[in-house]
Amino acid sequence: RTTPMRLLVGGWVLAAVLLIAGLVLVLTG
């Protein structure tokens, strides 16, 4: 019960969180 654009923006936010978390875990060792 949402719009496709909101769903895609939510997917981008989730992707950004995963990218940053992954980068932090790799760089901190």
mmCIF file of all heavy atoms, coordinates in Angstrom:
data_MODEL
# 
_entry.id   MODEL 
# 
loop_
_atom_site.group_PDB 
_atom_site.id 
_atom_site.type_symbol 
_atom_site.label_atom_id 
_atom_site.label_alt_id 
_atom_site.label_comp_id 
_atom_site.label_asym_id 
_atom_site.label_entity_id 
_atom_site.label_seq_id 
_atom_site.pdbx_PDB_ins_code 
_atom_site.Cartn_x 
_atom_site.Cartn_y 
_atom_site.Cartn_z 
_atom_site.occupancy 
_atom_site.B_iso_or_equiv 
_atom_site.pdbx_formal_charge 
_atom_site.auth_seq_id 
_atom_site.auth_comp_id 
_atom_site.auth_asym_id 
_atom_site.auth_atom_id 
_atom_site.pdbx_PDB_model_num 
ATOM 1   N N   . ARG A 1 1  ? 0.818  -1.216 0.000  1.00 0.00 ? 1  ARG A N   1 
ATOM 2   C CA  . ARG A 1 1  ? 0.000  0.000  0.000  1.00 0.00 ? 1  ARG A CA  1 
ATOM 3   C C   . ARG A 1 1  ? 0.851  1.265  0.000  1.00 0.00 ? 1  ARG A C   1 
ATOM 4   O O   . ARG A 1 1  ? 0.692  2.152  0.839  1.00 0.00 ? 1  ARG A O   1 
ATOM 5   C CB  . ARG A 1 1  ? -0.953 -0.013 1.193  1.00 0.00 ? 1  ARG A CB  1 
ATOM 6   C CG  . ARG A 1 1  ? -2.004 -1.083 1.085  1.00 0.00 ? 1  ARG A CG  1 
ATOM 7   C CD  . ARG A 1 1  ? -3.063 -0.935 2.141  1.00 0.00 ? 1  ARG A CD  1 
ATOM 8   N NE  . ARG A 1 1  ? -4.141 -1.864 1.910  1.00 0.00 ? 1  ARG A NE  1 
ATOM 9   C CZ  . ARG A 1 1  ? -4.247 -3.038 2.514  1.00 0.00 ? 1  ARG A CZ  1 
ATOM 10  N NH1 . ARG A 1 1  ? -3.334 -3.431 3.363  1.00 0.00 ? 1  ARG A NH1 1 
ATOM 11  N NH2 . ARG A 1 1  ? -5.271 -3.826 2.254  1.00 0.00 ? 1  ARG A NH2 1 
ATOM 12  N N   . THR A 1 2  ? 1.772  1.328  -0.937 1.00 0.00 ? 2  THR A N   1 
ATOM 13  C CA  . THR A 1 2  ? 2.613  2.500  -1.127 1.00 0.00 ? 2  THR A CA  1 
ATOM 14  C C   . THR A 1 2  ? 2.814  2.719  -2.621 1.00 0.00 ? 2  THR A C   1 
ATOM 15  O O   . THR A 1 2  ? 2.311  1.928  -3.427 1.00 0.00 ? 2  THR A O   1 
ATOM 16  C CB  . THR A 1 2  ? 3.964  2.338  -0.397 1.00 0.00 ? 2  THR A CB  1 
ATOM 17  O OG1 . THR A 1 2  ? 4.682  3.560  -0.488 1.00 0.00 ? 2  THR A OG1 1 
ATOM 18  C CG2 . THR A 1 2  ? 4.785  1.213  -0.962 1.00 0.00 ? 2  THR A CG2 1 
ATOM 19  N N   . THR A 1 3  ? 3.514  3.755  -2.985 1.00 0.00 ? 3  THR A N   1 
ATOM 20  C CA  . THR A 1 3  ? 3.784  4.003  -4.400 1.00 0.00 ? 3  THR A CA  1 
ATOM 21  C C   . THR A 1 3  ? 5.084  3.316  -4.799 1.00 0.00 ? 3  THR A C   1 
ATOM 22  O O   . THR A 1 3  ? 5.959  3.097  -3.950 1.00 0.00 ? 3  THR A O   1 
ATOM 23  C CB  . THR A 1 3  ? 3.910  5.510  -4.672 1.00 0.00 ? 3  THR A CB  1 
ATOM 24  O OG1 . THR A 1 3  ? 5.033  6.025  -3.955 1.00 0.00 ? 3  THR A OG1 1 
ATOM 25  C CG2 . THR A 1 3  ? 2.645  6.251  -4.261 1.00 0.00 ? 3  THR A CG2 1 
ATOM 26  N N   . PRO A 1 4  ? 5.227  2.976  -6.063 1.00 0.00 ? 4  PRO A N   1 
ATOM 27  C CA  . PRO A 1 4  ? 6.474  2.353  -6.507 1.00 0.00 ? 4  PRO A CA  1 
ATOM 28  C C   . PRO A 1 4  ? 7.699  3.236  -6.264 1.00 0.00 ? 4  PRO A C   1 
ATOM 29  O O   . PRO A 1 4  ? 8.768  2.750  -5.917 1.00 0.00 ? 4  PRO A O   1 
ATOM 30  C CB  . PRO A 1 4  ? 6.256  2.117  -8.004 1.00 0.00 ? 4  PRO A CB  1 
ATOM 31  C CG  . PRO A 1 4  ? 4.787  2.046  -8.175 1.00 0.00 ? 4  PRO A CG  1 
ATOM 32  C CD  . PRO A 1 4  ? 4.228  2.966  -7.145 1.00 0.00 ? 4  PRO A CD  1 
ATOM 33  N N   . MET A 1 5  ? 7.539  4.557  -6.409 1.00 0.00 ? 5  MET A N   1 
ATOM 34  C CA  . MET A 1 5  ? 8.672  5.454  -6.205 1.00 0.00 ? 5  MET A CA  1 
ATOM 35  C C   . MET A 1 5  ? 9.125  5.442  -4.752 1.00 0.00 ? 5  MET A C   1 
ATOM 36  O O   . MET A 1 5  ? 10.321 5.431  -4.462 1.00 0.00 ? 5  MET A O   1 
ATOM 37  C CB  . MET A 1 5  ? 8.297  6.874  -6.637 1.00 0.00 ? 5  MET A CB  1 
ATOM 38  C CG  . MET A 1 5  ? 9.466  7.813  -6.682 1.00 0.00 ? 5  MET A CG  1 
ATOM 39  S SD  . MET A 1 5  ? 10.770 7.293  -7.811 1.00 0.00 ? 5  MET A SD  1 
ATOM 40  C CE  . MET A 1 5  ? 10.017 7.641  -9.371 1.00 0.00 ? 5  MET A CE  1 
ATOM 41  N N   . ARG A 1 6  ? 8.186  5.431  -3.817 1.00 0.00 ? 6  ARG A N   1 
ATOM 42  C CA  . ARG A 1 6  ? 8.551  5.354  -2.395 1.00 0.00 ? 6  ARG A CA  1 
ATOM 43  C C   . ARG A 1 6  ? 9.259  4.045  -2.092 1.00 0.00 ? 6  ARG A C   1 
ATOM 44  O O   . ARG A 1 6  ? 10.205 4.007  -1.297 1.00 0.00 ? 6  ARG A O   1 
ATOM 45  C CB  . ARG A 1 6  ? 7.316  5.471  -1.515 1.00 0.00 ? 6  ARG A CB  1 
ATOM 46  C CG  . ARG A 1 6  ? 6.871  6.860  -1.302 1.00 0.00 ? 6  ARG A CG  1 
ATOM 47  C CD  . ARG A 1 6  ? 5.824  6.913  -0.223 1.00 0.00 ? 6  ARG A CD  1 
ATOM 48  N NE  . ARG A 1 6  ? 5.312  8.268  -0.137 1.00 0.00 ? 6  ARG A NE  1 
ATOM 49  C CZ  . ARG A 1 6  ? 4.197  8.577  0.459  1.00 0.00 ? 6  ARG A CZ  1 
ATOM 50  N NH1 . ARG A 1 6  ? 3.462  7.650  1.017  1.00 0.00 ? 6  ARG A NH1 1 
ATOM 51  N NH2 . ARG A 1 6  ? 3.804  9.825  0.501  1.00 0.00 ? 6  ARG A NH2 1 
ATOM 52  N N   . LEU A 1 7  ? 8.804  2.977  -2.689 1.00 0.00 ? 7  LEU A N   1 
ATOM 53  C CA  . LEU A 1 7  ? 9.436  1.684  -2.486 1.00 0.00 ? 7  LEU A CA  1 
ATOM 54  C C   . LEU A 1 7  ? 10.868 1.694  -3.002 1.00 0.00 ? 7  LEU A C   1 
ATOM 55  O O   . LEU A 1 7  ? 11.781 1.187  -2.341 1.00 0.00 ? 7  LEU A O   1 
ATOM 56  C CB  . LEU A 1 7  ? 8.623  0.595  -3.194 1.00 0.00 ? 7  LEU A CB  1 
ATOM 57  C CG  . LEU A 1 7  ? 9.012  -0.845 -2.935 1.00 0.00 ? 7  LEU A CG  1 
ATOM 58  C CD1 . LEU A 1 7  ? 8.801  -1.200 -1.478 1.00 0.00 ? 7  LEU A CD1 1 
ATOM 59  C CD2 . LEU A 1 7  ? 8.211  -1.765 -3.816 1.00 0.00 ? 7  LEU A CD2 1 
ATOM 60  N N   . LEU A 1 8  ? 11.084 2.300  -4.157 1.00 0.00 ? 8  LEU A N   1 
ATOM 61  C CA  . LEU A 1 8  ? 12.431 2.366  -4.721 1.00 0.00 ? 8  LEU A CA  1 
ATOM 62  C C   . LEU A 1 8  ? 13.346 3.271  -3.898 1.00 0.00 ? 8  LEU A C   1 
ATOM 63  O O   . LEU A 1 8  ? 14.523 2.956  -3.702 1.00 0.00 ? 8  LEU A O   1 
ATOM 64  C CB  . LEU A 1 8  ? 12.363 2.840  -6.173 1.00 0.00 ? 8  LEU A CB  1 
ATOM 65  C CG  . LEU A 1 8  ? 11.727 1.835  -7.134 1.00 0.00 ? 8  LEU A CG  1 
ATOM 66  C CD1 . LEU A 1 8  ? 11.517 2.476  -8.500 1.00 0.00 ? 8  LEU A CD1 1 
ATOM 67  C CD2 . LEU A 1 8  ? 12.553 0.587  -7.250 1.00 0.00 ? 8  LEU A CD2 1 
ATOM 68  N N   . VAL A 1 9  ? 12.826 4.374  -3.400 1.00 0.00 ? 9  VAL A N   1 
ATOM 69  C CA  . VAL A 1 9  ? 13.626 5.247  -2.541 1.00 0.00 ? 9  VAL A CA  1 
ATOM 70  C C   . VAL A 1 9  ? 13.995 4.511  -1.256 1.00 0.00 ? 9  VAL A C   1 
ATOM 71  O O   . VAL A 1 9  ? 15.125 4.615  -0.769 1.00 0.00 ? 9  VAL A O   1 
ATOM 72  C CB  . VAL A 1 9  ? 12.880 6.569  -2.257 1.00 0.00 ? 9  VAL A CB  1 
ATOM 73  C CG1 . VAL A 1 9  ? 13.566 7.355  -1.152 1.00 0.00 ? 9  VAL A CG1 1 
ATOM 74  C CG2 . VAL A 1 9  ? 12.787 7.401  -3.518 1.00 0.00 ? 9  VAL A CG2 1 
ATOM 75  N N   . GLY A 1 10 ? 13.058 3.765  -0.708 1.00 0.00 ? 10 GLY A N   1 
ATOM 76  C CA  . GLY A 1 10 ? 13.366 2.947  0.471  1.00 0.00 ? 10 GLY A CA  1 
ATOM 77  C C   . GLY A 1 10 ? 14.442 1.919  0.176  1.00 0.00 ? 10 GLY A C   1 
ATOM 78  O O   . GLY A 1 10 ? 15.310 1.651  1.020  1.00 0.00 ? 10 GLY A O   1 
ATOM 79  N N   . GLY A 1 11 ? 14.417 1.353  -1.016 1.00 0.00 ? 11 GLY A N   1 
ATOM 80  C CA  . GLY A 1 11 ? 15.458 0.406  -1.416 1.00 0.00 ? 11 GLY A CA  1 
ATOM 81  C C   . GLY A 1 11 ? 16.820 1.076  -1.520 1.00 0.00 ? 11 GLY A C   1 
ATOM 82  O O   . GLY A 1 11 ? 17.843 0.504  -1.147 1.00 0.00 ? 11 GLY A O   1 
ATOM 83  N N   . TRP A 1 12 ? 16.838 2.306  -2.022 1.00 0.00 ? 12 TRP A N   1 
ATOM 84  C CA  . TRP A 1 12 ? 18.092 3.042  -2.109 1.00 0.00 ? 12 TRP A CA  1 
ATOM 85  C C   . TRP A 1 12 ? 18.639 3.372  -0.717 1.00 0.00 ? 12 TRP A C   1 
ATOM 86  O O   . TRP A 1 12 ? 19.833 3.312  -0.491 1.00 0.00 ? 12 TRP A O   1 
ATOM 87  C CB  . TRP A 1 12 ? 17.915 4.318  -2.909 1.00 0.00 ? 12 TRP A CB  1 
ATOM 88  C CG  . TRP A 1 12 ? 18.418 4.213  -4.307 1.00 0.00 ? 12 TRP A CG  1 
ATOM 89  C CD1 . TRP A 1 12 ? 19.424 3.415  -4.758 1.00 0.00 ? 12 TRP A CD1 1 
ATOM 90  C CD2 . TRP A 1 12 ? 17.948 4.919  -5.438 1.00 0.00 ? 12 TRP A CD2 1 
ATOM 91  N NE1 . TRP A 1 12 ? 19.598 3.583  -6.106 1.00 0.00 ? 12 TRP A NE1 1 
ATOM 92  C CE2 . TRP A 1 12 ? 18.702 4.507  -6.550 1.00 0.00 ? 12 TRP A CE2 1 
ATOM 93  C CE3 . TRP A 1 12 ? 16.947 5.863  -5.607 1.00 0.00 ? 12 TRP A CE3 1 
ATOM 94  C CZ2 . TRP A 1 12 ? 18.490 5.018  -7.811 1.00 0.00 ? 12 TRP A CZ2 1 
ATOM 95  C CZ3 . TRP A 1 12 ? 16.752 6.360  -6.877 1.00 0.00 ? 12 TRP A CZ3 1 
ATOM 96  C CH2 . TRP A 1 12 ? 17.512 5.938  -7.971 1.00 0.00 ? 12 TRP A CH2 1 
ATOM 97  N N   . VAL A 1 13 ? 17.752 3.720  0.207  1.00 0.00 ? 13 VAL A N   1 
ATOM 98  C CA  . VAL A 1 13 ? 18.188 4.001  1.578  1.00 0.00 ? 13 VAL A CA  1 
ATOM 99  C C   . VAL A 1 13 ? 18.772 2.743  2.209  1.00 0.00 ? 13 VAL A C   1 
ATOM 100 O O   . VAL A 1 13 ? 19.839 2.789  2.840  1.00 0.00 ? 13 VAL A O   1 
ATOM 101 C CB  . VAL A 1 13 ? 17.010 4.555  2.412  1.00 0.00 ? 13 VAL A CB  1 
ATOM 102 C CG1 . VAL A 1 13 ? 17.355 4.601  3.884  1.00 0.00 ? 13 VAL A CG1 1 
ATOM 103 C CG2 . VAL A 1 13 ? 16.615 5.931  1.910  1.00 0.00 ? 13 VAL A CG2 1 
ATOM 104 N N   . LEU A 1 14 ? 18.106 1.623  2.024  1.00 0.00 ? 14 LEU A N   1 
ATOM 105 C CA  . LEU A 1 14 ? 18.616 0.352  2.554  1.00 0.00 ? 14 LEU A CA  1 
ATOM 106 C C   . LEU A 1 14 ? 19.966 0.011  1.930  1.00 0.00 ? 14 LEU A C   1 
ATOM 107 O O   . LEU A 1 14 ? 20.893 -0.429 2.628  1.00 0.00 ? 14 LEU A O   1 
ATOM 108 C CB  . LEU A 1 14 ? 17.610 -0.767 2.293  1.00 0.00 ? 14 LEU A CB  1 
ATOM 109 C CG  . LEU A 1 14 ? 18.009 -2.166 2.744  1.00 0.00 ? 14 LEU A CG  1 
ATOM 110 C CD1 . LEU A 1 14 ? 18.227 -2.195 4.247  1.00 0.00 ? 14 LEU A CD1 1 
ATOM 111 C CD2 . LEU A 1 14 ? 16.974 -3.172 2.324  1.00 0.00 ? 14 LEU A CD2 1 
ATOM 112 N N   . ALA A 1 15 ? 20.098 0.229  0.640  1.00 0.00 ? 15 ALA A N   1 
ATOM 113 C CA  . ALA A 1 15 ? 21.368 -0.047 -0.039 1.00 0.00 ? 15 ALA A CA  1 
ATOM 114 C C   . ALA A 1 15 ? 22.478 0.848  0.499  1.00 0.00 ? 15 ALA A C   1 
ATOM 115 O O   . ALA A 1 15 ? 23.610 0.394  0.705  1.00 0.00 ? 15 ALA A O   1 
ATOM 116 C CB  . ALA A 1 15 ? 21.209 0.149  -1.547 1.00 0.00 ? 15 ALA A CB  1 
ATOM 117 N N   . ALA A 1 16 ? 22.164 2.118  0.753  1.00 0.00 ? 16 ALA A N   1 
ATOM 118 C CA  . ALA A 1 16 ? 23.171 3.032  1.290  1.00 0.00 ? 16 ALA A CA  1 
ATOM 119 C C   . ALA A 1 16 ? 23.628 2.601  2.672  1.00 0.00 ? 16 ALA A C   1 
ATOM 120 O O   . ALA A 1 16 ? 24.822 2.637  2.982  1.00 0.00 ? 16 ALA A O   1 
ATOM 121 C CB  . ALA A 1 16 ? 22.610 4.451  1.334  1.00 0.00 ? 16 ALA A CB  1 
ATOM 122 N N   . VAL A 1 17 ? 22.697 2.166  3.497  1.00 0.00 ? 17 VAL A N   1 
ATOM 123 C CA  . VAL A 1 17 ? 23.052 1.689  4.837  1.00 0.00 ? 17 VAL A CA  1 
ATOM 124 C C   . VAL A 1 17 ? 23.944 0.453  4.741  1.00 0.00 ? 17 VAL A C   1 
ATOM 125 O O   . VAL A 1 17 ? 24.949 0.344  5.457  1.00 0.00 ? 17 VAL A O   1 
ATOM 126 C CB  . VAL A 1 17 ? 21.781 1.399  5.660  1.00 0.00 ? 17 VAL A CB  1 
ATOM 127 C CG1 . VAL A 1 17 ? 22.102 0.645  6.940  1.00 0.00 ? 17 VAL A CG1 1 
ATOM 128 C CG2 . VAL A 1 17 ? 21.048 2.695  5.978  1.00 0.00 ? 17 VAL A CG2 1 
ATOM 129 N N   . LEU A 1 18 ? 23.608 -0.470 3.854  1.00 0.00 ? 18 LEU A N   1 
ATOM 130 C CA  . LEU A 1 18 ? 24.429 -1.671 3.689  1.00 0.00 ? 18 LEU A CA  1 
ATOM 131 C C   . LEU A 1 18 ? 25.824 -1.332 3.170  1.00 0.00 ? 18 LEU A C   1 
ATOM 132 O O   . LEU A 1 18 ? 26.822 -1.903 3.633  1.00 0.00 ? 18 LEU A O   1 
ATOM 133 C CB  . LEU A 1 18 ? 23.746 -2.659 2.745  1.00 0.00 ? 18 LEU A CB  1 
ATOM 134 C CG  . LEU A 1 18 ? 22.503 -3.351 3.282  1.00 0.00 ? 18 LEU A CG  1 
ATOM 135 C CD1 . LEU A 1 18 ? 21.838 -4.162 2.181  1.00 0.00 ? 18 LEU A CD1 1 
ATOM 136 C CD2 . LEU A 1 18 ? 22.844 -4.226 4.459  1.00 0.00 ? 18 LEU A CD2 1 
ATOM 137 N N   . LEU A 1 19 ? 25.904 -0.410 2.220  1.00 0.00 ? 19 LEU A N   1 
ATOM 138 C CA  . LEU A 1 19 ? 27.201 -0.011 1.685  1.00 0.00 ? 19 LEU A CA  1 
ATOM 139 C C   . LEU A 1 19 ? 28.078 0.628  2.764  1.00 0.00 ? 19 LEU A C   1 
ATOM 140 O O   . LEU A 1 19 ? 29.258 0.287  2.904  1.00 0.00 ? 19 LEU A O   1 
ATOM 141 C CB  . LEU A 1 19 ? 27.014 0.971  0.522  1.00 0.00 ? 19 LEU A CB  1 
ATOM 142 C CG  . LEU A 1 19 ? 26.508 0.372  -0.790 1.00 0.00 ? 19 LEU A CG  1 
ATOM 143 C CD1 . LEU A 1 19 ? 26.103 1.489  -1.743 1.00 0.00 ? 19 LEU A CD1 1 
ATOM 144 C CD2 . LEU A 1 19 ? 27.565 -0.497 -1.414 1.00 0.00 ? 19 LEU A CD2 1 
ATOM 145 N N   . ILE A 1 20 ? 27.508 1.522  3.536  1.00 0.00 ? 20 ILE A N   1 
ATOM 146 C CA  . ILE A 1 20 ? 28.286 2.205  4.578  1.00 0.00 ? 20 ILE A CA  1 
ATOM 147 C C   . ILE A 1 20 ? 28.683 1.228  5.679  1.00 0.00 ? 20 ILE A C   1 
ATOM 148 O O   . ILE A 1 20 ? 29.834 1.238  6.138  1.00 0.00 ? 20 ILE A O   1 
ATOM 149 C CB  . ILE A 1 20 ? 27.493 3.404  5.127  1.00 0.00 ? 20 ILE A CB  1 
ATOM 150 C CG1 . ILE A 1 20 ? 27.388 4.490  4.056  1.00 0.00 ? 20 ILE A CG1 1 
ATOM 151 C CG2 . ILE A 1 20 ? 28.143 3.961  6.388  1.00 0.00 ? 20 ILE A CG2 1 
ATOM 152 C CD1 . ILE A 1 20 ? 26.453 5.608  4.393  1.00 0.00 ? 20 ILE A CD1 1 
ATOM 153 N N   . ALA A 1 21 ? 27.753 0.387  6.113  1.00 0.00 ? 21 ALA A N   1 
ATOM 154 C CA  . ALA A 1 21 ? 28.076 -0.584 7.162  1.00 0.00 ? 21 ALA A CA  1 
ATOM 155 C C   . ALA A 1 21 ? 29.159 -1.544 6.693  1.00 0.00 ? 21 ALA A C   1 
ATOM 156 O O   . ALA A 1 21 ? 30.096 -1.857 7.444  1.00 0.00 ? 21 ALA A O   1 
ATOM 157 C CB  . ALA A 1 21 ? 26.819 -1.354 7.569  1.00 0.00 ? 21 ALA A CB  1 
ATOM 158 N N   . GLY A 1 22 ? 29.057 -2.013 5.467  1.00 0.00 ? 22 GLY A N   1 
ATOM 159 C CA  . GLY A 1 22 ? 30.074 -2.904 4.934  1.00 0.00 ? 22 GLY A CA  1 
ATOM 160 C C   . GLY A 1 22 ? 31.426 -2.244 4.836  1.00 0.00 ? 22 GLY A C   1 
ATOM 161 O O   . GLY A 1 22 ? 32.453 -2.829 5.189  1.00 0.00 ? 22 GLY A O   1 
ATOM 162 N N   . LEU A 1 23 ? 31.438 -1.003 4.393  1.00 0.00 ? 23 LEU A N   1 
ATOM 163 C CA  . LEU A 1 23 ? 32.689 -0.268 4.277  1.00 0.00 ? 23 LEU A CA  1 
ATOM 164 C C   . LEU A 1 23 ? 33.331 -0.037 5.641  1.00 0.00 ? 23 LEU A C   1 
ATOM 165 O O   . LEU A 1 23 ? 34.544 -0.208 5.808  1.00 0.00 ? 23 LEU A O   1 
ATOM 166 C CB  . LEU A 1 23 ? 32.428 1.063  3.574  1.00 0.00 ? 23 LEU A CB  1 
ATOM 167 C CG  . LEU A 1 23 ? 33.632 1.818  3.056  1.00 0.00 ? 23 LEU A CG  1 
ATOM 168 C CD1 . LEU A 1 23 ? 34.388 0.967  2.039  1.00 0.00 ? 23 LEU A CD1 1 
ATOM 169 C CD2 . LEU A 1 23 ? 33.201 3.125  2.431  1.00 0.00 ? 23 LEU A CD2 1 
ATOM 170 N N   . VAL A 1 24 ? 32.522 0.299  6.627  1.00 0.00 ? 24 VAL A N   1 
ATOM 171 C CA  . VAL A 1 24 ? 33.045 0.515  7.980  1.00 0.00 ? 24 VAL A CA  1 
ATOM 172 C C   . VAL A 1 24 ? 33.626 -0.775 8.544  1.00 0.00 ? 24 VAL A C   1 
ATOM 173 O O   . VAL A 1 24 ? 34.713 -0.771 9.137  1.00 0.00 ? 24 VAL A O   1 
ATOM 174 C CB  . VAL A 1 24 ? 31.936 1.084  8.903  1.00 0.00 ? 24 VAL A CB  1 
ATOM 175 C CG1 . VAL A 1 24 ? 32.332 0.994  10.363 1.00 0.00 ? 24 VAL A CG1 1 
ATOM 176 C CG2 . VAL A 1 24 ? 31.618 2.517  8.519  1.00 0.00 ? 24 VAL A CG2 1 
ATOM 177 N N   . LEU A 1 25 ? 32.924 -1.880 8.364  1.00 0.00 ? 25 LEU A N   1 
ATOM 178 C CA  . LEU A 1 25 ? 33.421 -3.156 8.885  1.00 0.00 ? 25 LEU A CA  1 
ATOM 179 C C   . LEU A 1 25 ? 34.723 -3.575 8.214  1.00 0.00 ? 25 LEU A C   1 
ATOM 180 O O   . LEU A 1 25 ? 35.610 -4.142 8.858  1.00 0.00 ? 25 LEU A O   1 
ATOM 181 C CB  . LEU A 1 25 ? 32.365 -4.247 8.719  1.00 0.00 ? 25 LEU A CB  1 
ATOM 182 C CG  . LEU A 1 25 ? 31.165 -4.144 9.659  1.00 0.00 ? 25 LEU A CG  1 
ATOM 183 C CD1 . LEU A 1 25 ? 30.113 -5.180 9.271  1.00 0.00 ? 25 LEU A CD1 1 
ATOM 184 C CD2 . LEU A 1 25 ? 31.577 -4.319 11.103 1.00 0.00 ? 25 LEU A CD2 1 
ATOM 185 N N   . VAL A 1 26 ? 34.838 -3.323 6.931  1.00 0.00 ? 26 VAL A N   1 
ATOM 186 C CA  . VAL A 1 26 ? 36.071 -3.688 6.222  1.00 0.00 ? 26 VAL A CA  1 
ATOM 187 C C   . VAL A 1 26 ? 37.225 -2.776 6.628  1.00 0.00 ? 26 VAL A C   1 
ATOM 188 O O   . VAL A 1 26 ? 38.331 -3.238 6.910  1.00 0.00 ? 26 VAL A O   1 
ATOM 189 C CB  . VAL A 1 26 ? 35.854 -3.642 4.691  1.00 0.00 ? 26 VAL A CB  1 
ATOM 190 C CG1 . VAL A 1 26 ? 37.169 -3.731 3.956  1.00 0.00 ? 26 VAL A CG1 1 
ATOM 191 C CG2 . VAL A 1 26 ? 34.935 -4.780 4.263  1.00 0.00 ? 26 VAL A CG2 1 
ATOM 192 N N   . LEU A 1 27 ? 36.985 -1.474 6.669  1.00 0.00 ? 27 LEU A N   1 
ATOM 193 C CA  . LEU A 1 27 ? 38.061 -0.531 6.949  1.00 0.00 ? 27 LEU A CA  1 
ATOM 194 C C   . LEU A 1 27 ? 38.537 -0.579 8.402  1.00 0.00 ? 27 LEU A C   1 
ATOM 195 O O   . LEU A 1 27 ? 39.709 -0.326 8.667  1.00 0.00 ? 27 LEU A O   1 
ATOM 196 C CB  . LEU A 1 27 ? 37.640 0.888  6.584  1.00 0.00 ? 27 LEU A CB  1 
ATOM 197 C CG  . LEU A 1 27 ? 37.451 1.141  5.086  1.00 0.00 ? 27 LEU A CG  1 
ATOM 198 C CD1 . LEU A 1 27 ? 37.010 2.571  4.840  1.00 0.00 ? 27 LEU A CD1 1 
ATOM 199 C CD2 . LEU A 1 27 ? 38.724 0.830  4.315  1.00 0.00 ? 27 LEU A CD2 1 
ATOM 200 N N   . THR A 1 28 ? 37.650 -0.887 9.331  1.00 0.00 ? 28 THR A N   1 
ATOM 201 C CA  . THR A 1 28 ? 38.073 -0.996 10.730 1.00 0.00 ? 28 THR A CA  1 
ATOM 202 C C   . THR A 1 28 ? 38.738 -2.324 11.018 1.00 0.00 ? 28 THR A C   1 
ATOM 203 O O   . THR A 1 28 ? 39.441 -2.457 12.008 1.00 0.00 ? 28 THR A O   1 
ATOM 204 C CB  . THR A 1 28 ? 36.892 -0.804 11.688 1.00 0.00 ? 28 THR A CB  1 
ATOM 205 O OG1 . THR A 1 28 ? 35.904 -1.799 11.426 1.00 0.00 ? 28 THR A OG1 1 
ATOM 206 C CG2 . THR A 1 28 ? 36.302 0.580  11.558 1.00 0.00 ? 28 THR A CG2 1 
ATOM 207 N N   . GLY A 1 29 ? 38.498 -3.301 10.170 1.00 0.00 ? 29 GLY A N   1 
ATOM 208 C CA  . GLY A 1 29 ? 39.113 -4.615 10.349 1.00 0.00 ? 29 GLY A CA  1 
ATOM 209 C C   . GLY A 1 29 ? 38.437 -5.477 11.395 1.00 0.00 ? 29 GLY A C   1 
ATOM 210 O O   . GLY A 1 29 ? 38.946 -6.540 11.747 1.00 0.00 ? 29 GLY A O   1 
# 
